[in-house]
Amino acid sequence: MEAMTTVPSSDFLAAHSVILSFALVAIGFLVVNLLVWWLIRPRRFSEEKLTTYECGESPEGSAWVQFNIRFYVFALIFIVFDVEAVFLFPWAAVFRELGMLAFVEGLVFIGILVVALAYVWRKGDLEWVRSEDRA
């Protein structure tokens, strides 16, 4: 049995030509900017320009420094609550039009956030210095 091939209709191509043209303009913009940067950038490299820049200070020591895991945990907790807060803004803007079910769902979502915050707080992950480290 032969496979049937379908030719896209002109309506389909016309509707999606905007996407193709936008992608081509974006790629062209990127290529033009990279070429312009390559043409006008300074080419005078020196030992000082090739060193690592750390706020105007000369770098000291190795870059392989171990950080305490609490910094990462604190950052992850911040990101989780920050992203969840972003979901609340559109809900708060339109929850009256969505009805009582959306309001209850929003309250459940906020309740989950409160429980998670209480858990993290109780666990002590929001403290920079834990009580066992103070001694």
C-alpha atoms as a PDB file:
ATOM      1  CA  MET A   1       0.000   0.000   0.000  1.00  0.00           C
ATOM      2  CA  GLU A   2       1.423   3.364  -0.971  1.00  0.00           C
ATOM      3  CA  ALA A   3       1.813   6.045   1.636  1.00  0.00           C
ATOM      4  CA  MET A   4      -0.253   9.101   0.913  1.00  0.00           C
ATOM      5  CA  THR A   5       1.587  12.366   0.981  1.00  0.00           C
ATOM      6  CA  THR A   6      -0.328  15.507   1.707  1.00  0.00           C
ATOM      7  CA  VAL A   7       0.722  18.856   0.425  1.00  0.00           C
ATOM      8  CA  PRO A   8       0.245  21.679   2.912  1.00  0.00           C
ATOM      9  CA  SER A   9      -2.437  24.096   1.840  1.00  0.00           C
ATOM     10  CA  SER A  10      -1.631  27.694   1.021  1.00  0.00           C
ATOM     11  CA  ASP A  11      -3.651  28.838   4.050  1.00  0.00           C
ATOM     12  CA  PHE A  12      -1.426  26.810   6.347  1.00  0.00           C
ATOM     13  CA  LEU A  13       1.752  28.166   4.759  1.00  0.00           C
ATOM     14  CA  ALA A  14       0.455  31.735   4.854  1.00  0.00           C
ATOM     15  CA  ALA A  15      -0.492  31.418   8.515  1.00  0.00           C
ATOM     16  CA  HIS A  16       2.919  30.090   9.494  1.00  0.00           C
ATOM     17  CA  SER A  17       4.990  32.337   7.259  1.00  0.00           C
ATOM     18  CA  VAL A  18       4.995  34.936  10.032  1.00  0.00           C
ATOM     19  CA  ILE A  19       6.750  32.470  12.329  1.00  0.00           C
ATOM     20  CA  LEU A  20       9.318  31.622   9.674  1.00  0.00           C
ATOM     21  CA  SER A  21       9.980  35.273   8.875  1.00  0.00           C
ATOM     22  CA  PHE A  22      10.331  36.102  12.582  1.00  0.00           C
ATOM     23  CA  ALA A  23      12.830  33.251  13.036  1.00  0.00           C
ATOM     24  CA  LEU A  24      14.827  34.405  10.005  1.00  0.00           C
ATOM     25  CA  VAL A  25      14.902  38.009  11.259  1.00  0.00           C
ATOM     26  CA  ALA A  26      16.024  36.846  14.713  1.00  0.00           C
ATOM     27  CA  ILE A  27      18.807  34.669  13.290  1.00  0.00           C
ATOM     28  CA  GLY A  28      19.866  37.456  10.926  1.00  0.00           C
ATOM     29  CA  PHE A  29      19.932  39.952  13.801  1.00  0.00           C
ATOM     30  CA  LEU A  30      22.155  37.601  15.793  1.00  0.00           C
ATOM     31  CA  VAL A  31      24.546  36.978  12.901  1.00  0.00           C
ATOM     32  CA  VAL A  32      24.806  40.688  12.040  1.00  0.00           C
ATOM     33  CA  ASN A  33      25.520  41.641  15.650  1.00  0.00           C
ATOM     34  CA  LEU A  34      28.186  38.953  16.022  1.00  0.00           C
ATOM     35  CA  LEU A  35      29.867  40.042  12.785  1.00  0.00           C
ATOM     36  CA  VAL A  36      29.804  43.716  13.792  1.00  0.00           C
ATOM     37  CA  TRP A  37      31.254  42.822  17.200  1.00  0.00           C
ATOM     38  CA  TRP A  38      33.995  40.752  15.560  1.00  0.00           C
ATOM     39  CA  LEU A  39      34.891  43.645  13.214  1.00  0.00           C
ATOM     40  CA  ILE A  40      35.019  46.451  15.793  1.00  0.00           C
ATOM     41  CA  ARG A  41      36.386  44.642  18.863  1.00  0.00           C
ATOM     42  CA  PRO A  42      39.860  45.557  20.057  1.00  0.00           C
ATOM     43  CA  ARG A  43      42.586  43.092  19.134  1.00  0.00           C
ATOM     44  CA  ARG A  44      45.263  44.233  21.577  1.00  0.00           C
ATOM     45  CA  PHE A  45      45.491  41.386  24.052  1.00  0.00           C
ATOM     46  CA  SER A  46      47.853  41.590  26.984  1.00  0.00           C
ATOM     47  CA  GLU A  47      48.609  39.462  30.022  1.00  0.00           C
ATOM     48  CA  GLU A  48      46.585  41.817  32.205  1.00  0.00           C
ATOM     49  CA  LYS A  49      43.528  41.718  29.930  1.00  0.00           C
ATOM     50  CA  LEU A  50      43.549  37.921  29.829  1.00  0.00           C
ATOM     51  CA  THR A  51      43.558  37.480  33.632  1.00  0.00           C
ATOM     52  CA  THR A  52      40.412  36.752  35.573  1.00  0.00           C
ATOM     53  CA  TYR A  53      38.558  39.888  36.639  1.00  0.00           C
ATOM     54  CA  GLU A  54      37.237  39.884  40.188  1.00  0.00           C
ATOM     55  CA  CYS A  55      35.851  43.316  41.013  1.00  0.00           C
ATOM     56  CA  GLY A  56      39.111  45.077  40.257  1.00  0.00           C
ATOM     57  CA  GLU A  57      41.132  42.901  42.625  1.00  0.00           C
ATOM     58  CA  SER A  58      43.829  40.437  41.685  1.00  0.00           C
ATOM     59  CA  PRO A  59      42.535  36.891  42.056  1.00  0.00           C
ATOM     60  CA  GLU A  60      43.916  34.948  44.992  1.00  0.00           C
ATOM     61  CA  GLY A  61      43.860  31.231  45.535  1.00  0.00           C
ATOM     62  CA  SER A  62      42.125  28.509  43.606  1.00  0.00           C
ATOM     63  CA  ALA A  63      38.720  28.882  42.007  1.00  0.00           C
ATOM     64  CA  TRP A  64      37.765  25.476  43.422  1.00  0.00           C
ATOM     65  CA  VAL A  65      36.435  26.670  46.755  1.00  0.00           C
ATOM     66  CA  GLN A  66      33.877  24.517  48.545  1.00  0.00           C
ATOM     67  CA  PHE A  67      30.785  26.402  49.658  1.00  0.00           C
ATOM     68  CA  ASN A  68      28.538  25.285  52.437  1.00  0.00           C
ATOM     69  CA  ILE A  69      25.528  23.353  51.118  1.00  0.00           C
ATOM     70  CA  ARG A  70      23.205  25.709  53.033  1.00  0.00           C
ATOM     71  CA  PHE A  71      23.819  28.431  50.444  1.00  0.00           C
ATOM     72  CA  TYR A  72      22.541  26.142  47.694  1.00  0.00           C
ATOM     73  CA  VAL A  73      19.573  24.966  49.767  1.00  0.00           C
ATOM     74  CA  PHE A  74      18.647  28.562  50.593  1.00  0.00           C
ATOM     75  CA  ALA A  75      18.884  29.514  46.905  1.00  0.00           C
ATOM     76  CA  LEU A  76      16.729  26.555  45.844  1.00  0.00           C
ATOM     77  CA  ILE A  77      14.111  27.372  48.468  1.00  0.00           C
ATOM     78  CA  PHE A  78      14.053  30.975  47.249  1.00  0.00           C
ATOM     79  CA  ILE A  79      13.618  29.879  43.634  1.00  0.00           C
ATOM     80  CA  VAL A  80      10.795  27.473  44.511  1.00  0.00           C
ATOM     81  CA  PHE A  81       8.841  30.094  46.458  1.00  0.00           C
ATOM     82  CA  ASP A  82       9.604  32.789  43.889  1.00  0.00           C
ATOM     83  CA  VAL A  83       8.277  30.678  41.011  1.00  0.00           C
ATOM     84  CA  GLU A  84       5.212  29.729  43.009  1.00  0.00           C
ATOM     85  CA  ALA A  85       4.571  33.390  43.787  1.00  0.00           C
ATOM     86  CA  VAL A  86       4.656  34.115  40.043  1.00  0.00           C
ATOM     87  CA  PHE A  87       1.731  31.703  39.615  1.00  0.00           C
ATOM     88  CA  LEU A  88      -0.276  33.663  42.174  1.00  0.00           C
ATOM     89  CA  PHE A  89      -0.250  36.977  40.288  1.00  0.00           C
ATOM     90  CA  PRO A  90      -2.359  35.892  37.287  1.00  0.00           C
ATOM     91  CA  TRP A  91      -4.673  33.964  39.611  1.00  0.00           C
ATOM     92  CA  ALA A  92      -5.152  37.035  41.815  1.00  0.00           C
ATOM     93  CA  ALA A  93      -5.894  39.195  38.783  1.00  0.00           C
ATOM     94  CA  VAL A  94      -8.716  37.012  37.441  1.00  0.00           C
ATOM     95  CA  PHE A  95      -9.973  34.829  40.273  1.00  0.00           C
ATOM     96  CA  ARG A  96     -13.282  36.745  40.531  1.00  0.00           C
ATOM     97  CA  GLU A  97     -14.160  35.876  36.940  1.00  0.00           C
ATOM     98  CA  LEU A  98     -13.160  32.224  37.405  1.00  0.00           C
ATOM     99  CA  GLY A  99     -15.623  31.523  40.199  1.00  0.00           C
ATOM    100  CA  MET A 100     -15.571  29.863  43.571  1.00  0.00           C
ATOM    101  CA  LEU A 101     -13.738  26.720  42.414  1.00  0.00           C
ATOM    102  CA  ALA A 102     -10.727  28.771  41.292  1.00  0.00           C
ATOM    103  CA  PHE A 103     -10.780  30.644  44.602  1.00  0.00           C
ATOM    104  CA  VAL A 104     -10.730  27.373  46.575  1.00  0.00           C
ATOM    105  CA  GLU A 105      -7.969  25.971  44.354  1.00  0.00           C
ATOM    106  CA  GLY A 106      -5.934  29.121  44.988  1.00  0.00           C
ATOM    107  CA  LEU A 107      -6.442  28.769  48.727  1.00  0.00           C
ATOM    108  CA  VAL A 108      -5.296  25.131  48.563  1.00  0.00           C
ATOM    109  CA  PHE A 109      -2.211  26.243  46.623  1.00  0.00           C
ATOM    110  CA  ILE A 110      -1.449  28.933  49.219  1.00  0.00           C
ATOM    111  CA  GLY A 111      -2.022  26.369  51.981  1.00  0.00           C
ATOM    112  CA  ILE A 112       0.550  24.049  50.408  1.00  0.00           C
ATOM    113  CA  LEU A 113       2.996  26.974  50.281  1.00  0.00           C
ATOM    114  CA  VAL A 114       2.396  27.748  53.952  1.00  0.00           C
ATOM    115  CA  VAL A 115       2.937  24.108  54.944  1.00  0.00           C
ATOM    116  CA  ALA A 116       6.147  23.978  52.888  1.00  0.00           C
ATOM    117  CA  LEU A 117       7.382  27.207  54.433  1.00  0.00           C
ATOM    118  CA  ALA A 118       6.605  25.939  57.940  1.00  0.00           C
ATOM    119  CA  TYR A 119       8.482  22.706  57.198  1.00  0.00           C
ATOM    120  CA  VAL A 120      11.555  24.519  55.877  1.00  0.00           C
ATOM    121  CA  TRP A 121      11.470  26.982  58.764  1.00  0.00           C
ATOM    122  CA  ARG A 122      11.076  24.204  61.364  1.00  0.00           C
ATOM    123  CA  LYS A 123      13.908  22.248  59.775  1.00  0.00           C
ATOM    124  CA  GLY A 124      16.162  25.309  60.160  1.00  0.00           C
ATOM    125  CA  ASP A 125      17.059  25.704  56.499  1.00  0.00           C
ATOM    126  CA  LEU A 126      16.237  29.429  56.562  1.00  0.00           C
ATOM    127  CA  GLU A 127      18.944  30.214  59.123  1.00  0.00           C
ATOM    128  CA  TRP A 128      22.385  31.227  57.938  1.00  0.00           C
ATOM    129  CA  VAL A 129      24.072  29.943  61.093  1.00  0.00           C
ATOM    130  CA  ARG A 130      22.638  26.876  62.765  1.00  0.00           C
ATOM    131  CA  SER A 131      22.581  26.526  66.533  1.00  0.00           C
ATOM    132  CA  GLU A 132      25.102  23.645  66.472  1.00  0.00           C
ATOM    133  CA  ASP A 133      27.565  25.829  64.495  1.00  0.00           C
ATOM    134  CA  ARG A 134      27.432  28.709  67.000  1.00  0.00           C
ATOM    135  CA  ALA A 135      29.279  26.824  69.735  1.00  0.00           C
END
